[in-house]
Amino acid sequence: MTGDEPFGDGPPLAVLYRVVTGEPQLGALHGPLRTLITDCLAKDPADRPTTGQLLDRIATHWNPPADFPSTSPWPHAVTTLIDAYATRATRSYTRQPGPAARRCRSRPGSCPRAELTQVRTARG
């Protein structure tokens, strides 16, 4: 966004040291975007937003113009690559496992063979 690396330039070990010990330099970023990026770069992974929290925070500030294109912003060649490698959601990935599968997931050694098959199917 600013054109600058948040932990500066230089030899990889020097940059890695700054990643581990320093704070990101976010330059000209202000407001909600700066807060969001700062939170995403938190040293402790537990302090970083989850994917759901990240999407919620982005959606809160998403106000596209009326003439926002409904087509892909990527060049055709990039869109083709994305489509070629994207994994489409299928019923087995989007369906919630039943109670037996949830129970087996927490105690796999206690599951009858039929229930283990259900857990494996639910996992993909």
C-alpha atoms as a PDB file:
ATOM      1  CA  MET A   1       0.000   0.000   0.000  1.00  0.00           C
ATOM      2  CA  THR A   2       2.829   2.401   0.831  1.00  0.00           C
ATOM      3  CA  GLY A   3       5.459   0.846  -1.419  1.00  0.00           C
ATOM      4  CA  ASP A   4       7.793   0.246   1.533  1.00  0.00           C
ATOM      5  CA  GLU A   5       8.515  -3.063   3.211  1.00  0.00           C
ATOM      6  CA  PRO A   6       7.109  -3.091   6.772  1.00  0.00           C
ATOM      7  CA  PHE A   7      10.408  -4.389   8.165  1.00  0.00           C
ATOM      8  CA  GLY A   8      12.732  -2.579   5.782  1.00  0.00           C
ATOM      9  CA  ASP A   9      15.205  -3.792   3.196  1.00  0.00           C
ATOM     10  CA  GLY A  10      18.581  -5.401   3.480  1.00  0.00           C
ATOM     11  CA  PRO A  11      20.145  -8.815   3.964  1.00  0.00           C
ATOM     12  CA  PRO A  12      17.555 -11.522   4.720  1.00  0.00           C
ATOM     13  CA  LEU A  13      18.902 -12.189   8.228  1.00  0.00           C
ATOM     14  CA  ALA A  14      18.687  -8.495   9.110  1.00  0.00           C
ATOM     15  CA  VAL A  15      15.084  -8.314   7.870  1.00  0.00           C
ATOM     16  CA  LEU A  16      14.198 -11.516   9.741  1.00  0.00           C
ATOM     17  CA  TYR A  17      15.688 -10.056  12.927  1.00  0.00           C
ATOM     18  CA  ARG A  18      13.501  -6.965  12.520  1.00  0.00           C
ATOM     19  CA  VAL A  19      10.438  -9.149  11.879  1.00  0.00           C
ATOM     20  CA  VAL A  20      11.047 -11.015  15.132  1.00  0.00           C
ATOM     21  CA  THR A  21      12.097  -8.094  17.330  1.00  0.00           C
ATOM     22  CA  GLY A  22      10.832  -4.889  15.753  1.00  0.00           C
ATOM     23  CA  GLU A  23       7.549  -3.231  14.999  1.00  0.00           C
ATOM     24  CA  PRO A  24       6.354  -2.851  11.404  1.00  0.00           C
ATOM     25  CA  GLN A  25       6.897   0.537   9.793  1.00  0.00           C
ATOM     26  CA  LEU A  26       3.598   1.224   8.092  1.00  0.00           C
ATOM     27  CA  GLY A  27       4.471   4.677   6.801  1.00  0.00           C
ATOM     28  CA  ALA A  28       1.543   6.494   5.294  1.00  0.00           C
ATOM     29  CA  LEU A  29      -1.150   3.996   6.307  1.00  0.00           C
ATOM     30  CA  HIS A  30      -3.844   5.542   8.488  1.00  0.00           C
ATOM     31  CA  GLY A  31      -7.162   4.683  10.027  1.00  0.00           C
ATOM     32  CA  PRO A  32      -8.818   1.268   9.875  1.00  0.00           C
ATOM     33  CA  LEU A  33      -6.387  -0.096   7.276  1.00  0.00           C
ATOM     34  CA  ARG A  34      -3.389   0.663   9.494  1.00  0.00           C
ATOM     35  CA  THR A  35      -5.109  -0.939  12.488  1.00  0.00           C
ATOM     36  CA  LEU A  36      -6.020  -4.019  10.459  1.00  0.00           C
ATOM     37  CA  ILE A  37      -2.493  -4.495   9.100  1.00  0.00           C
ATOM     38  CA  THR A  38      -0.936  -3.877  12.511  1.00  0.00           C
ATOM     39  CA  ASP A  39      -3.199  -6.553  13.988  1.00  0.00           C
ATOM     40  CA  CYS A  40      -2.321  -9.001  11.187  1.00  0.00           C
ATOM     41  CA  LEU A  41       1.399  -8.474  11.856  1.00  0.00           C
ATOM     42  CA  ALA A  42       1.110  -9.112  15.622  1.00  0.00           C
ATOM     43  CA  LYS A  43       4.055 -11.080  16.992  1.00  0.00           C
ATOM     44  CA  ASP A  44       1.841 -13.515  18.894  1.00  0.00           C
ATOM     45  CA  PRO A  45      -0.344 -15.521  16.489  1.00  0.00           C
ATOM     46  CA  ALA A  46      -3.112 -15.593  19.113  1.00  0.00           C
ATOM     47  CA  ASP A  47      -3.319 -11.798  18.834  1.00  0.00           C
ATOM     48  CA  ARG A  48      -3.880 -11.885  15.058  1.00  0.00           C
ATOM     49  CA  PRO A  49      -7.440 -11.816  13.694  1.00  0.00           C
ATOM     50  CA  THR A  50      -8.932 -15.081  12.509  1.00  0.00           C
ATOM     51  CA  THR A  51     -10.003 -15.386   8.888  1.00  0.00           C
ATOM     52  CA  GLY A  52     -13.616 -14.741   9.878  1.00  0.00           C
ATOM     53  CA  GLN A  53     -12.686 -11.692  11.948  1.00  0.00           C
ATOM     54  CA  LEU A  54     -10.549 -10.410   9.087  1.00  0.00           C
ATOM     55  CA  LEU A  55     -13.410 -10.755   6.604  1.00  0.00           C
ATOM     56  CA  ASP A  56     -15.837  -9.072   9.003  1.00  0.00           C
ATOM     57  CA  ARG A  57     -13.490  -6.140   9.533  1.00  0.00           C
ATOM     58  CA  ILE A  58     -12.888  -5.710   5.809  1.00  0.00           C
ATOM     59  CA  ALA A  59     -16.616  -5.953   5.013  1.00  0.00           C
ATOM     60  CA  THR A  60     -17.367  -3.264   7.601  1.00  0.00           C
ATOM     61  CA  HIS A  61     -15.398  -0.749   5.537  1.00  0.00           C
ATOM     62  CA  TRP A  62     -16.259  -2.135   2.088  1.00  0.00           C
ATOM     63  CA  ASN A  63     -18.325   0.391   0.225  1.00  0.00           C
ATOM     64  CA  PRO A  64     -17.804  -0.183  -3.496  1.00  0.00           C
ATOM     65  CA  PRO A  65     -18.872   2.511  -5.933  1.00  0.00           C
ATOM     66  CA  ALA A  66     -22.091   2.016  -7.887  1.00  0.00           C
ATOM     67  CA  ASP A  67     -20.102   1.404 -11.076  1.00  0.00           C
ATOM     68  CA  PHE A  68     -17.843  -1.253  -9.483  1.00  0.00           C
ATOM     69  CA  PRO A  69     -17.233  -3.933 -12.142  1.00  0.00           C
ATOM     70  CA  SER A  70     -18.839  -7.309 -11.540  1.00  0.00           C
ATOM     71  CA  THR A  71     -16.099  -9.034 -13.526  1.00  0.00           C
ATOM     72  CA  SER A  72     -12.713 -10.206 -12.293  1.00  0.00           C
ATOM     73  CA  PRO A  73     -10.163  -7.444 -11.691  1.00  0.00           C
ATOM     74  CA  TRP A  74      -7.402  -9.760 -12.907  1.00  0.00           C
ATOM     75  CA  PRO A  75      -6.178 -10.030 -16.502  1.00  0.00           C
ATOM     76  CA  HIS A  76      -7.789 -12.909 -18.416  1.00  0.00           C
ATOM     77  CA  ALA A  77      -4.646 -15.092 -18.214  1.00  0.00           C
ATOM     78  CA  VAL A  78      -4.547 -14.765 -14.404  1.00  0.00           C
ATOM     79  CA  THR A  79      -8.275 -15.485 -14.097  1.00  0.00           C
ATOM     80  CA  THR A  80      -7.789 -18.605 -16.231  1.00  0.00           C
ATOM     81  CA  LEU A  81      -4.995 -19.813 -13.933  1.00  0.00           C
ATOM     82  CA  ILE A  82      -7.067 -19.152 -10.824  1.00  0.00           C
ATOM     83  CA  ASP A  83      -9.999 -21.079 -12.302  1.00  0.00           C
ATOM     84  CA  ALA A  84      -7.719 -23.954 -13.321  1.00  0.00           C
ATOM     85  CA  TYR A  85      -6.224 -24.403  -9.854  1.00  0.00           C
ATOM     86  CA  ALA A  86      -9.104 -23.358  -7.614  1.00  0.00           C
ATOM     87  CA  THR A  87     -10.731 -26.082  -5.566  1.00  0.00           C
ATOM     88  CA  ARG A  88     -14.454 -25.793  -5.773  1.00  0.00           C
ATOM     89  CA  ALA A  89     -16.468 -26.454  -2.640  1.00  0.00           C
ATOM     90  CA  THR A  90     -18.390 -29.695  -2.813  1.00  0.00           C
ATOM     91  CA  ARG A  91     -21.095 -31.104  -0.651  1.00  0.00           C
ATOM     92  CA  SER A  92     -18.657 -33.236   1.374  1.00  0.00           C
ATOM     93  CA  TYR A  93     -16.636 -30.122   2.258  1.00  0.00           C
ATOM     94  CA  THR A  94     -19.568 -27.896   3.085  1.00  0.00           C
ATOM     95  CA  ARG A  95     -21.757 -30.438   4.878  1.00  0.00           C
ATOM     96  CA  GLN A  96     -21.457 -30.452   8.657  1.00  0.00           C
ATOM     97  CA  PRO A  97     -20.476 -33.866  10.077  1.00  0.00           C
ATOM     98  CA  GLY A  98     -23.065 -35.603  12.223  1.00  0.00           C
ATOM     99  CA  PRO A  99     -22.794 -36.219  15.981  1.00  0.00           C
ATOM    100  CA  ALA A 100     -20.970 -39.548  15.501  1.00  0.00           C
ATOM    101  CA  ALA A 101     -18.295 -37.906  13.374  1.00  0.00           C
ATOM    102  CA  ARG A 102     -17.801 -35.125  15.920  1.00  0.00           C
ATOM    103  CA  ARG A 103     -17.532 -37.707  18.734  1.00  0.00           C
ATOM    104  CA  CYS A 104     -15.023 -39.806  16.766  1.00  0.00           C
ATOM    105  CA  ARG A 105     -12.951 -36.760  15.920  1.00  0.00           C
ATOM    106  CA  SER A 106     -12.429 -36.110  19.626  1.00  0.00           C
ATOM    107  CA  ARG A 107     -11.829 -39.810  20.525  1.00  0.00           C
ATOM    108  CA  PRO A 108     -10.729 -41.699  17.350  1.00  0.00           C
ATOM    109  CA  GLY A 109      -9.823 -44.925  19.193  1.00  0.00           C
ATOM    110  CA  SER A 110     -13.392 -45.335  20.456  1.00  0.00           C
ATOM    111  CA  CYS A 111     -15.138 -45.247  17.049  1.00  0.00           C
ATOM    112  CA  PRO A 112     -16.675 -48.263  15.335  1.00  0.00           C
ATOM    113  CA  ARG A 113     -15.437 -48.842  11.775  1.00  0.00           C
ATOM    114  CA  ALA A 114     -18.617 -47.378  10.175  1.00  0.00           C
ATOM    115  CA  GLU A 115     -18.260 -44.184  12.186  1.00  0.00           C
ATOM    116  CA  LEU A 116     -14.563 -43.885  11.235  1.00  0.00           C
ATOM    117  CA  THR A 117     -15.591 -44.036   7.592  1.00  0.00           C
ATOM    118  CA  GLN A 118     -18.043 -41.181   8.245  1.00  0.00           C
ATOM    119  CA  VAL A 119     -15.256 -39.133   9.873  1.00  0.00           C
ATOM    120  CA  ARG A 120     -12.890 -39.751   6.957  1.00  0.00           C
ATOM    121  CA  THR A 121     -15.630 -38.830   4.481  1.00  0.00           C
ATOM    122  CA  ALA A 122     -16.454 -35.668   6.414  1.00  0.00           C
ATOM    123  CA  ARG A 123     -12.769 -34.684   6.442  1.00  0.00           C
ATOM    124  CA  GLY A 124     -12.484 -35.115   2.689  1.00  0.00           C
END
